Amino acid sequence: MLLLSSVDHVLILVAGGLTLALVERRFPTLGDSLRPLATGWRAPAVVGCLAAIAVLWVWWPSRSVAVVHDEASYLLQAELLARGRFTAPAPLVPELSEQAAVLVVPVLAPKPMPGQALALVPGVAIGLPWAGPVLLSGLTAAAIFLLVRLVAGAGSGVLAVVLWISAPGVLRWQPSYFSEVTSTALVLLGWLAAYRWWRSQRAPWLFACALAFALLGITRPLTAMAQALPVAGLLLSRVAATRRWRDLAYALCIGGVPLLLVPAQSRAVTGAWNRTPWSLYAEQYIPWDHPGFGLDDRQPTRALPPDLESAMEEFKELHREHTLAALPAILTERVRSVGRQQTIGWRQYLLPILVVVGTVTYWRIGLLMGLAAVLQFGLYLTYAHQAHWTLYYAELIPMAMILGALGMARVERSGSGRRGSQSVVSFGLALILVILTLPTLGRQRRQHLALARPWLALDSALATTGTSPRFVLVRYGPSHDPHQSLVRNSTDGGDGQLQLLYEPPASRDSTLRLQFPRRQAWRYDAITESIMRLW
């Protein structure tokens, strides 16, 4: 395939836009052809399905493997919830079964709040764990389309969706089990419901808004605070003006229901309503990993295996360097990282201009989204993380693309001189962008397959070990990535037929054999991707 540079992309987009503008001026009724997209639910359903298909196509070869530690913990939690449980029995050998973000004593239980796992439960329950992130991606696309269509027309809505799905990083993170996949959908649904309520004053939209942000609160609490505060301020001003206090009371009650899951989870895992799994995990392994500045000198009560310990050392250093004096430099680098990632290639020339035009033209929306972005950066500034880990700001990407699409609508309206235009230029540019983005889909597909390779090799090896009760001792090589562990627990806990363990010292092999004489033992070598029977 012919490779095009960023400048080539800019020239194609500019030339295409000018051509479409001339065609629209020559045929002023051309926008009527987009009228079927302007109302109803068919258009957002089609847009959402196409976005979901793109995500599934990228993810499919890797068999939707959970690659990073956090993904594995969310998936384990969803598998437990699908069985109606928060916990499972502790693994047989807890000290060799340590898993990041998962408690292994006194019970087996992931530490995250339950929001992300709840979103994964339907897919897990039917044996299709990838269904949750794929459908959520489609739901996010549909919400983007609907929100922009309400403001600037269907063509602009399509452009906003294509800008989002083609943004750098989106097709890296959407095909995953990260909680940001769910939080992005909830943010967009919350904003859409708030906008619909503002225009119609119909109580169900207020209830939907409260429910979306409450679910966001048990998925990503800091993000929920940043995104909910601007919306809450706007809605409260309208409630006060219209005296709709009863609707607000009902909305708060509806929003409070999901929050009850947090003390229920805490009681089931830790035995206390006010002691969360997150806090217990922190005590056991990483007491210094919390919002704040500087490194907490408290010591963990349990030791991590060597590979996880090396990963934690990286985070400890980040906390050590995360001081009040360093905040200006940290903020600058984080903003630059997010900006660089979203303005790669042709976007660095066109997107900032369109976002500024959209923000100035639709200043109320721009002001609220800008305030949410400032709050999100500010709240996460209290937490130490790598600047390149821009996933924490994934919810801001669709907002930027929405403002960019609105900016394009303003430019088109200026060119056509018609306020009621159906955004023919925006729709045409979206189609051009789809063509230009096709090589990216293939590249992302190959990257996901490469990331999943260690787990696919392990699964193939495990298939040869039969179904008898067994231990599989995992041996790593010196180049093993400590952020991606092959040792993972199952929902059966200590009752599971298969127990994946870290390879113990040779002296421990005989102890395991004496302690569990009815279990086979195999050793999996991650370097050679081979497995051999020990006893």
Protein backbone atom coordinates (compact mmCIF):
# COMPACT_ATOMS: atom_id res chain seq x y z
CA MET A 1 0.00 0.00 0.00
CA LEU A 2 1.22 3.47 -0.87
CA LEU A 3 2.47 5.23 2.25
CA LEU A 4 1.49 8.86 2.64
CA SER A 5 3.16 11.46 4.81
CA SER A 6 1.41 13.79 7.24
CA VAL A 7 1.65 16.62 4.73
CA ASP A 8 0.07 14.40 2.09
CA HIS A 9 -2.82 13.72 4.45
CA VAL A 10 -3.27 17.45 5.08
CA LEU A 11 -3.27 18.20 1.36
CA ILE A 12 -5.79 15.44 0.68
CA LEU A 13 -8.08 16.67 3.47
CA VAL A 14 -7.85 20.32 2.43
CA ALA A 15 -8.34 19.52 -1.25
CA GLY A 16 -11.21 17.20 -0.41
CA GLY A 17 -12.85 19.79 1.81
CA LEU A 18 -12.59 22.51 -0.83
CA THR A 19 -13.98 20.20 -3.49
CA LEU A 20 -16.88 19.18 -1.27
CA ALA A 21 -17.57 22.83 -0.44
CA LEU A 22 -17.72 23.71 -4.15
CA VAL A 23 -20.02 20.76 -4.82
CA GLU A 24 -22.28 21.78 -1.95
CA ARG A 25 -22.42 25.37 -3.22
CA ARG A 26 -23.20 24.14 -6.75
CA PHE A 27 -25.89 21.77 -5.48
CA PRO A 28 -27.43 23.50 -2.45
CA THR A 29 -30.00 20.76 -1.91
CA LEU A 30 -27.31 18.07 -1.57
CA GLY A 31 -27.61 18.26 2.20
CA ASP A 32 -31.12 16.88 1.91
CA SER A 33 -29.59 13.50 1.12
CA LEU A 34 -28.30 13.39 4.70
CA ARG A 35 -31.71 14.12 6.15
CA PRO A 36 -32.43 10.45 7.05
CA LEU A 37 -29.37 10.62 9.34
CA ALA A 38 -30.67 13.71 11.11
CA THR A 39 -33.35 12.02 13.20
CA GLY A 40 -34.11 8.69 14.79
CA TRP A 41 -31.95 5.90 16.22
CA ARG A 42 -30.95 4.07 13.07
CA ALA A 43 -28.02 6.35 12.25
CA PRO A 44 -26.40 6.20 15.74
CA ALA A 45 -26.98 2.44 15.78
CA VAL A 46 -25.18 2.03 12.45
CA VAL A 47 -22.34 4.35 13.51
CA GLY A 48 -21.95 2.47 16.78
CA CYS A 49 -21.94 -0.92 15.04
CA LEU A 50 -19.25 0.17 12.59
CA ALA A 51 -17.04 1.47 15.42
CA ALA A 52 -17.56 -1.77 17.36
CA ILE A 53 -16.66 -3.82 14.28
CA ALA A 54 -13.44 -1.83 13.86
CA VAL A 55 -12.47 -2.52 17.48
CA LEU A 56 -13.34 -6.22 17.18
CA TRP A 57 -11.40 -6.56 13.93
CA VAL A 58 -8.28 -5.11 15.55
CA TRP A 59 -8.64 -7.33 18.64
CA TRP A 60 -9.78 -10.61 17.10
CA PRO A 61 -6.42 -12.25 16.15
CA SER A 62 -5.15 -11.86 19.72
CA ARG A 63 -8.18 -13.79 21.06
CA SER A 64 -8.99 -10.81 23.34
CA VAL A 65 -6.22 -11.68 25.80
CA ALA A 66 -5.89 -9.57 28.95
CA VAL A 67 -2.30 -8.39 28.54
CA VAL A 68 -1.56 -5.95 31.37
CA HIS A 69 -1.95 -6.60 35.12
CA ASP A 70 -4.97 -4.31 35.55
CA GLU A 71 -6.83 -5.94 32.68
CA ALA A 72 -6.37 -9.38 34.23
CA SER A 73 -7.70 -8.21 37.61
CA TYR A 74 -10.81 -6.66 36.03
CA LEU A 75 -11.49 -9.83 34.07
CA LEU A 76 -11.06 -12.01 37.16
CA GLN A 77 -13.43 -9.75 39.09
CA ALA A 78 -16.02 -9.97 36.30
CA GLU A 79 -15.77 -13.78 36.31
CA LEU A 80 -16.41 -13.77 40.06
CA LEU A 81 -19.37 -11.39 39.78
CA ALA A 82 -20.82 -13.52 36.97
CA ARG A 83 -20.95 -16.32 39.58
CA GLY A 84 -22.63 -14.00 42.07
CA ARG A 85 -19.54 -13.69 44.28
CA PHE A 86 -17.01 -11.06 45.27
CA THR A 87 -14.42 -13.61 46.43
CA ALA A 88 -13.09 -17.13 45.85
CA PRO A 89 -11.08 -19.43 48.15
CA ALA A 90 -7.44 -18.48 48.50
CA PRO A 91 -5.09 -20.33 46.13
CA LEU A 92 -3.32 -23.44 47.46
CA VAL A 93 0.10 -21.77 47.50
CA PRO A 94 -0.56 -18.03 47.99
CA GLU A 95 3.11 -16.98 48.09
CA LEU A 96 3.63 -18.46 44.60
CA SER A 97 0.29 -17.20 43.24
CA GLU A 98 0.72 -13.46 43.80
CA GLN A 99 -1.06 -11.42 41.13
CA ALA A 100 -0.91 -7.65 40.75
CA ALA A 101 -4.09 -5.84 41.90
CA VAL A 102 -5.44 -9.11 43.37
CA LEU A 103 -5.60 -10.25 47.01
CA VAL A 104 -4.61 -13.89 47.53
CA VAL A 105 -5.10 -13.94 51.33
CA PRO A 106 -7.30 -14.28 53.28
CA VAL A 107 -9.42 -14.81 50.16
CA LEU A 108 -8.91 -14.43 46.44
CA ALA A 109 -10.39 -11.06 45.42
CA PRO A 110 -9.38 -8.28 43.00
CA LYS A 111 -8.86 -4.88 44.61
CA PRO A 112 -10.65 -2.51 42.09
CA MET A 113 -14.08 -1.03 42.65
CA PRO A 114 -16.76 -3.10 40.88
CA GLY A 115 -17.80 -0.71 38.09
CA GLN A 116 -15.56 -2.05 35.33
CA ALA A 117 -16.22 -5.67 36.24
CA LEU A 118 -19.99 -5.06 36.13
CA ALA A 119 -19.63 -3.83 32.55
CA LEU A 120 -17.77 -7.03 31.64
CA VAL A 121 -20.17 -9.44 33.37
CA PRO A 122 -22.70 -9.93 30.50
CA GLY A 123 -19.96 -10.90 28.05
CA VAL A 124 -18.21 -13.11 30.59
CA ALA A 125 -21.49 -14.84 31.47
CA ILE A 126 -22.01 -15.96 27.86
CA GLY A 127 -18.38 -16.92 27.34
CA LEU A 128 -17.50 -13.88 25.21
CA PRO A 129 -15.45 -11.63 27.52
CA TRP A 130 -14.47 -9.35 24.63
CA ALA A 131 -18.14 -8.44 24.05
CA GLY A 132 -18.16 -5.85 26.85
CA PRO A 133 -15.35 -3.60 25.56
CA VAL A 134 -16.50 -4.01 21.95
CA LEU A 135 -20.10 -3.03 22.73
CA LEU A 136 -18.94 -0.19 24.98
CA SER A 137 -16.84 1.15 22.11
CA GLY A 138 -19.92 1.11 19.90
CA LEU A 139 -21.94 2.81 22.64
CA THR A 140 -19.28 5.52 22.96
CA ALA A 141 -19.36 6.14 19.21
CA ALA A 142 -23.16 6.34 19.21
CA ALA A 143 -23.13 8.81 22.12
CA ILE A 144 -20.56 11.02 20.36
CA PHE A 145 -22.68 10.99 17.19
CA LEU A 146 -25.91 11.82 19.03
CA LEU A 147 -24.37 14.64 21.04
CA VAL A 148 -22.81 16.32 18.01
CA ARG A 149 -25.89 15.73 15.86
CA LEU A 150 -28.02 17.60 18.38
CA VAL A 151 -25.70 20.59 18.14
CA ALA A 152 -24.42 20.74 14.56
CA GLY A 153 -26.01 18.05 12.38
CA ALA A 154 -25.51 14.44 11.34
CA GLY A 155 -22.50 14.99 9.09
CA SER A 156 -20.61 16.63 11.92
CA GLY A 157 -21.58 13.72 14.18
CA VAL A 158 -20.07 11.22 11.76
CA LEU A 159 -16.90 13.32 11.51
CA ALA A 160 -16.57 13.45 15.31
CA VAL A 161 -16.83 9.65 15.55
CA VAL A 162 -14.23 9.10 12.82
CA LEU A 163 -11.89 11.64 14.44
CA TRP A 164 -12.23 9.74 17.72
CA ILE A 165 -11.84 6.17 16.46
CA SER A 166 -8.85 7.16 14.32
CA ALA A 167 -7.13 9.11 17.12
CA PRO A 168 -3.70 7.78 18.17
CA GLY A 169 -4.10 5.47 21.13
CA VAL A 170 -7.84 4.84 20.80
CA LEU A 171 -7.45 1.60 18.88
CA ARG A 172 -4.63 0.68 21.26
CA TRP A 173 -6.80 1.01 24.37
CA GLN A 174 -10.39 0.35 23.25
CA PRO A 175 -9.64 -3.33 22.47
CA SER A 176 -8.78 -4.01 26.10
CA TYR A 177 -10.29 -4.60 29.53
CA PHE A 178 -9.05 -1.31 30.97
CA SER A 179 -11.63 0.61 33.01
CA GLU A 180 -11.18 3.66 30.78
CA VAL A 181 -13.14 1.84 28.06
CA THR A 182 -16.17 1.88 30.36
CA SER A 183 -15.53 5.30 31.89
CA THR A 184 -15.30 6.94 28.45
CA ALA A 185 -18.70 5.51 27.50
CA LEU A 186 -20.22 6.62 30.83
CA VAL A 187 -18.81 10.15 30.51
CA LEU A 188 -20.30 10.56 27.02
CA LEU A 189 -23.65 9.08 28.07
CA GLY A 190 -23.72 11.36 31.11
CA TRP A 191 -23.01 14.46 29.02
CA LEU A 192 -25.58 13.41 26.41
CA ALA A 193 -28.27 12.84 29.04
CA ALA A 194 -27.45 16.19 30.67
CA TYR A 195 -27.75 18.00 27.32
CA ARG A 196 -31.05 16.30 26.53
CA TRP A 197 -32.44 17.19 29.95
CA TRP A 198 -31.29 20.78 29.59
CA ARG A 199 -33.24 21.09 26.34
CA SER A 200 -36.35 19.09 27.24
CA GLN A 201 -36.59 19.21 31.07
CA ARG A 202 -37.82 15.60 30.94
CA ALA A 203 -37.04 13.85 34.22
CA PRO A 204 -35.86 10.51 32.71
CA TRP A 205 -32.88 12.28 31.16
CA LEU A 206 -31.91 13.68 34.56
CA PHE A 207 -32.20 10.19 36.05
CA ALA A 208 -30.05 8.74 33.26
CA CYS A 209 -27.41 11.42 33.86
CA ALA A 210 -27.29 10.66 37.59
CA LEU A 211 -27.03 6.92 36.93
CA ALA A 212 -24.22 7.34 34.40
CA PHE A 213 -22.09 9.45 36.73
CA ALA A 214 -22.81 7.17 39.71
CA LEU A 215 -21.60 4.15 37.72
CA LEU A 216 -18.59 6.24 36.74
CA GLY A 217 -17.99 6.85 40.44
CA ILE A 218 -17.58 3.12 41.14
CA THR A 219 -15.41 2.70 38.05
CA ARG A 220 -12.95 5.61 38.16
CA PRO A 221 -13.65 7.88 41.16
CA LEU A 222 -11.22 10.71 40.32
CA THR A 223 -12.48 10.88 36.75
CA ALA A 224 -16.07 10.92 38.05
CA MET A 225 -15.34 13.93 40.24
CA ALA A 226 -13.73 15.85 37.39
CA GLN A 227 -16.45 15.09 34.87
CA ALA A 228 -19.46 15.38 37.18
CA LEU A 229 -18.67 18.72 38.83
CA PRO A 230 -19.13 20.95 35.73
CA VAL A 231 -22.29 19.09 34.72
CA ALA A 232 -23.66 19.18 38.28
CA GLY A 233 -23.09 22.93 38.51
CA LEU A 234 -24.94 23.50 35.24
CA LEU A 235 -27.87 21.24 36.11
CA LEU A 236 -28.24 22.61 39.64
CA SER A 237 -28.55 26.12 38.25
CA ARG A 238 -31.41 24.98 36.00
CA VAL A 239 -33.06 22.97 38.81
CA ALA A 240 -32.98 26.05 41.04
CA ALA A 241 -34.45 28.21 38.27
CA THR A 242 -37.26 25.75 37.43
CA ARG A 243 -37.91 24.49 40.99
CA ARG A 244 -37.63 20.85 39.93
CA TRP A 245 -36.38 19.73 43.31
CA ARG A 246 -38.43 16.54 43.31
CA ASP A 247 -36.83 15.38 40.07
CA LEU A 248 -33.42 16.12 41.58
CA ALA A 249 -34.26 14.11 44.70
CA TYR A 250 -35.32 11.12 42.60
CA ALA A 251 -32.16 11.43 40.51
CA LEU A 252 -29.96 11.42 43.62
CA CYS A 253 -31.73 8.31 44.93
CA ILE A 254 -31.23 6.51 41.60
CA GLY A 255 -27.59 7.55 41.51
CA GLY A 256 -27.08 6.33 45.06
CA VAL A 257 -28.03 2.73 44.26
CA PRO A 258 -24.79 1.74 42.45
CA LEU A 259 -22.73 3.36 45.21
CA LEU A 260 -24.10 0.78 47.67
CA LEU A 261 -22.01 -1.85 45.90
CA VAL A 262 -18.82 -0.39 47.38
CA PRO A 263 -19.61 -1.14 51.07
CA ALA A 264 -21.13 -4.49 50.02
CA GLN A 265 -17.89 -5.43 48.25
CA SER A 266 -15.83 -4.22 51.21
CA ARG A 267 -17.86 -6.31 53.67
CA ALA A 268 -17.54 -9.43 51.53
CA VAL A 269 -13.78 -9.09 50.97
CA THR A 270 -12.37 -7.51 54.13
CA GLY A 271 -15.13 -8.21 56.65
CA ALA A 272 -15.71 -4.49 57.31
CA TRP A 273 -18.04 -2.07 55.53
CA ASN A 274 -15.55 0.78 55.74
CA ARG A 275 -12.40 -1.12 54.73
CA THR A 276 -12.11 -1.48 50.98
CA PRO A 277 -10.22 -4.22 49.11
CA TRP A 278 -8.05 -1.43 47.69
CA SER A 279 -6.92 -0.36 51.17
CA LEU A 280 -6.25 -3.97 52.25
CA TYR A 281 -4.19 -4.61 49.12
CA ALA A 282 -2.24 -1.42 49.76
CA GLU A 283 -1.44 -2.53 53.31
CA GLN A 284 -0.25 -5.91 52.12
CA TYR A 285 1.86 -4.87 49.14
CA ILE A 286 2.09 -1.15 48.29
CA PRO A 287 1.26 1.13 51.25
CA TRP A 288 2.90 4.05 49.43
CA ASP A 289 0.63 3.87 46.33
CA HIS A 290 -2.00 6.54 47.00
CA PRO A 291 -2.66 10.19 46.07
CA GLY A 292 -0.22 12.54 47.70
CA PHE A 293 3.32 13.82 47.41
CA GLY A 294 6.55 12.09 48.25
CA LEU A 295 7.14 8.44 49.19
CA ASP A 296 5.28 6.93 52.14
CA ASP A 297 7.81 5.03 54.27
CA ARG A 298 5.37 2.40 55.58
CA GLN A 299 6.40 -1.18 54.89
CA PRO A 300 4.20 -3.83 53.22
CA THR A 301 3.10 -6.87 55.19
CA ARG A 302 3.58 -9.33 52.32
CA ALA A 303 6.44 -9.82 49.88
CA LEU A 304 5.95 -9.75 46.12
CA PRO A 305 7.65 -12.18 43.71
CA PRO A 306 10.78 -10.81 42.00
CA ASP A 307 9.17 -9.67 38.73
CA LEU A 308 6.33 -7.79 40.45
CA GLU A 309 8.80 -6.34 42.94
CA SER A 310 10.85 -4.84 40.10
CA ALA A 311 7.70 -3.27 38.65
CA MET A 312 6.81 -1.82 42.04
CA GLU A 313 10.29 -0.34 42.40
CA GLU A 314 9.59 1.76 39.31
CA PHE A 315 6.41 3.11 40.89
CA LYS A 316 8.16 3.77 44.19
CA GLU A 317 10.67 5.93 42.37
CA LEU A 318 7.83 7.84 40.71
CA HIS A 319 6.27 8.54 44.12
CA ARG A 320 9.63 9.58 45.50
CA GLU A 321 10.00 12.18 42.73
CA HIS A 322 6.36 13.30 42.91
CA THR A 323 6.76 16.35 45.15
CA LEU A 324 5.06 19.72 45.40
CA ALA A 325 8.18 21.42 44.08
CA ALA A 326 8.11 19.23 40.97
CA LEU A 327 4.40 19.78 40.18
CA PRO A 328 4.86 22.48 37.50
CA ALA A 329 7.28 20.31 35.55
CA ILE A 330 5.11 17.20 36.03
CA LEU A 331 1.98 18.99 34.81
CA THR A 332 3.79 20.41 31.80
CA GLU A 333 5.12 17.01 30.77
CA ARG A 334 1.73 15.32 31.19
CA VAL A 335 -0.07 17.94 29.12
CA ARG A 336 2.61 17.68 26.45
CA SER A 337 2.34 13.88 26.41
CA VAL A 338 -1.43 13.95 25.94
CA GLY A 339 -1.14 16.69 23.34
CA ARG A 340 1.64 14.93 21.43
CA GLN A 341 -0.27 11.68 21.34
CA GLN A 342 -3.42 13.28 19.97
CA THR A 343 -1.75 15.58 17.45
CA ILE A 344 0.50 13.07 15.72
CA GLY A 345 0.72 13.37 11.95
CA TRP A 346 -1.77 15.52 10.07
CA ARG A 347 -3.62 16.32 13.31
CA GLN A 348 -0.86 18.66 14.46
CA TYR A 349 -1.71 20.96 11.54
CA LEU A 350 -5.52 20.91 11.53
CA LEU A 351 -6.99 19.60 14.79
CA PRO A 352 -5.83 22.38 17.18
CA ILE A 353 -7.32 25.01 14.86
CA LEU A 354 -10.65 23.20 14.62
CA VAL A 355 -10.80 22.65 18.39
CA VAL A 356 -10.22 26.37 19.03
CA VAL A 357 -12.88 27.34 16.46
CA GLY A 358 -15.34 24.85 17.98
CA THR A 359 -14.63 26.05 21.51
CA VAL A 360 -15.11 29.73 20.61
CA THR A 361 -18.22 29.12 18.53
CA TYR A 362 -19.97 26.77 20.93
CA TRP A 363 -18.50 28.44 23.96
CA ARG A 364 -20.85 26.95 26.57
CA ILE A 365 -19.96 23.40 25.55
CA GLY A 366 -16.31 24.37 25.12
CA LEU A 367 -16.22 26.01 28.56
CA LEU A 368 -17.74 22.99 30.31
CA MET A 369 -15.50 20.48 28.53
CA GLY A 370 -12.47 22.66 29.13
CA LEU A 371 -13.31 22.88 32.83
CA ALA A 372 -13.70 19.09 33.00
CA ALA A 373 -10.28 18.69 31.37
CA VAL A 374 -8.65 21.11 33.82
CA LEU A 375 -10.25 19.33 36.78
CA GLN A 376 -9.19 15.91 35.52
CA PHE A 377 -5.60 16.99 35.06
CA GLY A 378 -5.69 18.69 38.44
CA LEU A 379 -7.08 15.71 40.34
CA TYR A 380 -4.67 13.25 38.73
CA LEU A 381 -1.86 15.66 39.53
CA THR A 382 -2.17 14.36 43.10
CA TYR A 383 -1.19 10.88 41.90
CA ALA A 384 2.23 9.78 40.67
CA HIS A 385 2.27 8.12 37.25
CA GLN A 386 4.41 8.08 34.14
CA ALA A 387 3.77 11.02 31.83
CA HIS A 388 3.47 8.69 28.85
CA TRP A 389 0.62 6.77 30.54
CA THR A 390 -2.01 8.98 28.92
CA LEU A 391 -4.71 6.35 29.40
CA TYR A 392 -5.77 8.22 32.57
CA TYR A 393 -7.03 11.00 30.29
CA ALA A 394 -8.78 8.81 27.71
CA GLU A 395 -12.14 10.45 28.48
CA LEU A 396 -10.81 13.79 27.21
CA ILE A 397 -10.04 12.48 23.72
CA PRO A 398 -13.67 12.29 22.50
CA MET A 399 -14.27 15.75 23.95
CA ALA A 400 -11.46 17.19 21.84
CA MET A 401 -12.81 15.41 18.76
CA ILE A 402 -16.32 16.70 19.45
CA LEU A 403 -15.02 20.26 19.62
CA GLY A 404 -12.99 19.65 16.45
CA ALA A 405 -16.07 18.44 14.59
CA LEU A 406 -18.04 21.44 15.86
CA GLY A 407 -15.23 23.69 14.63
CA MET A 408 -15.48 22.08 11.20
CA ALA A 409 -19.25 22.68 11.23
CA ARG A 410 -18.62 26.38 11.92
CA VAL A 411 -16.11 26.61 9.07
CA GLU A 412 -18.52 24.90 6.70
CA ARG A 413 -21.40 27.13 7.72
CA SER A 414 -19.25 30.18 7.06
CA GLY A 415 -18.42 28.89 3.59
CA SER A 416 -21.95 27.91 2.62
CA GLY A 417 -23.68 30.84 4.28
CA ARG A 418 -26.50 28.54 5.36
CA ARG A 419 -27.08 27.91 9.04
CA GLY A 420 -29.20 24.83 8.50
CA SER A 421 -26.62 22.89 6.50
CA GLN A 422 -26.53 19.13 7.07
CA SER A 423 -22.70 19.16 7.12
CA VAL A 424 -22.06 17.65 3.71
CA VAL A 425 -18.41 18.70 3.89
CA SER A 426 -17.99 17.17 7.34
CA PHE A 427 -19.59 13.93 6.19
CA GLY A 428 -17.37 13.80 3.12
CA LEU A 429 -14.25 14.50 5.16
CA ALA A 430 -15.23 11.68 7.51
CA LEU A 431 -15.32 9.26 4.56
CA ILE A 432 -11.91 10.47 3.37
CA LEU A 433 -10.52 9.98 6.88
CA VAL A 434 -11.86 6.43 6.97
CA ILE A 435 -9.83 5.62 3.85
CA LEU A 436 -6.72 7.31 5.22
CA THR A 437 -7.08 5.41 8.53
CA LEU A 438 -7.31 1.90 7.03
CA PRO A 439 -3.51 1.28 7.24
CA THR A 440 -3.68 2.19 10.94
CA LEU A 441 -6.21 -0.57 11.54
CA GLY A 442 -3.86 -3.17 10.12
CA ARG A 443 -0.92 -1.85 12.14
CA GLN A 444 -2.91 -1.88 15.38
CA ARG A 445 -4.10 -5.42 14.64
CA ARG A 446 -0.52 -6.63 14.31
CA GLN A 447 0.52 -4.83 17.50
CA HIS A 448 -2.25 -6.45 19.54
CA LEU A 449 -1.31 -9.86 18.20
CA ALA A 450 2.35 -9.29 19.14
CA LEU A 451 1.38 -8.22 22.68
CA ALA A 452 -0.79 -11.31 23.13
CA ARG A 453 1.80 -13.79 21.86
CA PRO A 454 3.14 -14.92 25.30
CA TRP A 455 -0.37 -15.80 26.50
CA LEU A 456 -1.32 -17.56 23.27
CA ALA A 457 1.85 -19.66 23.55
CA LEU A 458 1.05 -20.47 27.20
CA ASP A 459 -2.52 -21.49 26.32
CA SER A 460 -1.22 -23.82 23.62
CA ALA A 461 1.19 -25.42 26.07
CA LEU A 462 -1.48 -25.81 28.78
CA ALA A 463 -3.72 -27.63 26.33
CA THR A 464 -1.21 -30.50 26.29
CA THR A 465 -1.23 -31.04 30.07
CA GLY A 466 -4.62 -32.76 30.28
CA THR A 467 -7.31 -32.10 32.87
CA SER A 468 -5.87 -33.70 36.02
CA PRO A 469 -5.27 -31.50 39.09
CA ARG A 470 -1.93 -29.87 38.38
CA PHE A 471 0.52 -27.11 39.14
CA VAL A 472 2.21 -25.29 36.28
CA LEU A 473 5.40 -23.57 37.44
CA VAL A 474 6.24 -20.58 35.23
CA ARG A 475 9.90 -19.84 34.53
CA TYR A 476 10.70 -16.37 33.16
CA GLY A 477 13.67 -15.12 31.19
CA PRO A 478 15.83 -12.08 32.00
CA SER A 479 13.97 -9.95 29.43
CA HIS A 480 10.53 -10.64 30.91
CA ASP A 481 8.31 -7.53 31.15
CA PRO A 482 7.37 -7.23 34.85
CA HIS A 483 4.15 -5.40 33.93
CA GLN A 484 2.82 -8.47 32.14
CA SER A 485 2.61 -11.60 34.29
CA LEU A 486 1.71 -15.07 33.07
CA VAL A 487 0.80 -16.14 36.63
CA ARG A 488 -2.91 -15.60 37.06
CA ASN A 489 -5.57 -17.02 39.33
CA SER A 490 -8.91 -18.55 38.41
CA THR A 491 -12.32 -18.07 40.00
CA ASP A 492 -12.03 -21.56 41.50
CA GLY A 493 -9.23 -20.37 43.78
CA GLY A 494 -7.82 -23.24 45.82
CA ASP A 495 -10.37 -25.64 44.31
CA GLY A 496 -9.11 -25.12 40.76
CA GLN A 497 -7.77 -28.02 38.73
CA LEU A 498 -5.08 -25.74 37.26
CA GLN A 499 -2.85 -23.63 39.50
CA LEU A 500 -0.40 -21.32 37.77
CA LEU A 501 2.54 -20.63 40.08
CA TYR A 502 5.81 -18.77 40.02
CA GLU A 503 8.71 -21.21 39.73
CA PRO A 504 9.93 -21.79 43.30
CA PRO A 505 13.52 -22.53 44.33
CA ALA A 506 14.56 -26.09 43.55
CA SER A 507 14.38 -26.97 47.23
CA ARG A 508 10.67 -26.10 47.24
CA ASP A 509 9.82 -28.61 44.50
CA SER A 510 10.07 -31.54 46.90
CA THR A 511 7.99 -29.66 49.49
CA LEU A 512 5.22 -29.11 46.95
CA ARG A 513 5.34 -32.76 45.95
CA LEU A 514 4.99 -33.90 49.56
CA GLN A 515 2.33 -31.32 50.38
CA PHE A 516 0.18 -32.07 47.32
CA PRO A 517 0.94 -35.67 46.30
CA ARG A 518 -2.17 -36.01 44.12
CA ARG A 519 -1.29 -33.08 41.90
CA GLN A 520 0.84 -33.27 38.80
CA ALA A 521 3.50 -30.61 38.30
CA TRP A 522 4.68 -29.10 35.04
CA ARG A 523 7.28 -26.44 34.30
CA TYR A 524 6.58 -23.88 31.58
CA ASP A 525 9.60 -22.08 30.16
CA ALA A 526 8.51 -18.67 28.87
CA ILE A 527 11.80 -18.27 26.98
CA THR A 528 11.45 -21.37 24.81
CA GLU A 529 7.63 -21.50 25.12
CA SER A 530 7.89 -25.19 26.05
CA ILE A 531 6.39 -27.26 28.85
CA MET A 532 7.66 -30.42 30.58
CA ARG A 533 6.29 -32.79 33.20
CA LEU A 534 8.08 -32.75 36.59
CA TRP A 535 6.08 -35.40 38.46
